[in-house]
Amino acid sequence: MTDLTTDTPIEAKQSRNTNAEKREYGAYFVVIFFACLPLALFTYVLFALRNFRLPEKDPVQTAWSQAGIITPMIFHP
C-alpha cells in the first residue's frame, strides 16, 4: 500500500499576533489578580492576628505573585 502522506505539503504554522497575545495575557492576569486579592487580604489579617506581627509581603504583593504563578499555567501549551 502506498503512503501518500509523505508528498503532502507541510503548511506553515500560523503565528498569532504578539500584541494580541500580550493583551490576552494581561486581561487574564488582571482577572486572576483581583480574584486572588480578597483571599490574600484575608490570610494577611489572619496571620497578623495569630502571630501578632505583620507578614513580609503585603496582600497586594501576595496577590501579584499568585497571579504571576497562575496565569502562565493557563497559557502553557
Protein backbone atom coordinates (compact mmCIF):
# COMPACT_ATOMS: atom_id res chain seq x y z
CA MET A 1 0.00 0.00 0.00
CA THR A 2 1.34 3.42 -0.93
CA ASP A 3 1.94 6.07 1.70
CA LEU A 4 0.52 9.29 0.25
CA THR A 5 1.15 11.43 3.31
CA THR A 6 4.85 11.90 2.55
CA ASP A 7 4.21 14.05 -0.54
CA THR A 8 1.70 16.37 1.05
CA PRO A 9 2.95 19.93 1.58
CA ILE A 10 3.52 20.95 5.15
CA GLU A 11 1.57 24.07 5.94
CA ALA A 12 3.34 26.80 7.83
CA LYS A 13 2.12 27.14 11.36
CA GLN A 14 0.08 30.30 11.67
CA SER A 15 1.62 32.60 14.23
CA ARG A 16 -0.61 34.78 16.33
CA ASN A 17 -0.10 38.46 16.69
CA THR A 18 2.17 39.09 19.68
CA ASN A 19 0.26 42.22 20.68
CA ALA A 20 -2.95 40.21 20.85
CA GLU A 21 -1.20 37.59 22.98
CA LYS A 22 0.12 40.24 25.35
CA ARG A 23 -3.32 41.84 25.70
CA GLU A 24 -4.93 38.47 26.35
CA TYR A 25 -2.27 37.56 28.91
CA GLY A 26 -2.74 40.94 30.60
CA ALA A 27 -6.51 40.54 30.71
CA TYR A 28 -6.21 37.12 32.35
CA PHE A 29 -3.58 38.45 34.75
CA VAL A 30 -5.86 41.28 35.90
CA VAL A 31 -8.84 38.96 36.42
CA ILE A 32 -6.77 36.45 38.39
CA PHE A 33 -5.09 39.23 40.39
CA PHE A 34 -8.44 40.65 41.51
CA ALA A 35 -9.70 37.16 42.28
CA CYS A 36 -6.65 36.47 44.50
CA LEU A 37 -6.74 39.82 46.28
CA PRO A 38 -9.57 39.08 48.78
CA LEU A 39 -8.01 35.77 49.80
CA ALA A 40 -4.59 37.41 50.18
CA LEU A 41 -6.12 40.12 52.36
CA PHE A 42 -7.89 37.51 54.47
CA THR A 43 -4.71 35.47 55.00
CA TYR A 44 -2.76 38.66 55.78
CA VAL A 45 -5.19 39.64 58.53
CA LEU A 46 -5.37 36.09 59.87
CA PHE A 47 -1.57 35.84 60.02
CA ALA A 48 -1.33 39.21 61.79
CA LEU A 49 -3.93 38.23 64.38
CA ARG A 50 -2.39 34.84 65.10
CA ASN A 51 1.28 35.86 65.23
CA PHE A 52 0.97 39.45 66.47
CA ARG A 53 3.23 40.66 63.69
CA LEU A 54 2.84 41.60 60.04
CA PRO A 55 3.84 39.19 57.25
CA GLU A 56 6.78 40.02 54.99
CA LYS A 57 4.56 40.55 51.96
CA ASP A 58 1.52 42.77 51.93
CA PRO A 59 -1.73 41.48 50.34
CA VAL A 60 -1.09 43.22 47.01
CA GLN A 61 2.34 41.65 46.66
CA THR A 62 0.94 38.24 47.56
CA ALA A 63 -1.92 38.50 45.05
CA TRP A 64 0.51 39.77 42.39
CA SER A 65 2.82 36.80 42.88
CA GLN A 66 -0.09 34.34 42.86
CA ALA A 67 -1.40 35.84 39.61
CA GLY A 68 2.13 35.60 38.23
CA ILE A 69 2.15 31.89 39.05
CA ILE A 70 -1.38 31.01 37.88
CA THR A 71 -1.59 32.99 34.63
CA PRO A 72 1.32 31.24 32.85
CA MET A 73 -0.27 27.90 33.76
CA ILE A 74 -3.27 28.87 31.64
CA PHE A 75 -1.10 29.80 28.65
CA HIS A 76 1.20 26.78 28.86
CA PRO A 77 0.71 24.71 25.67
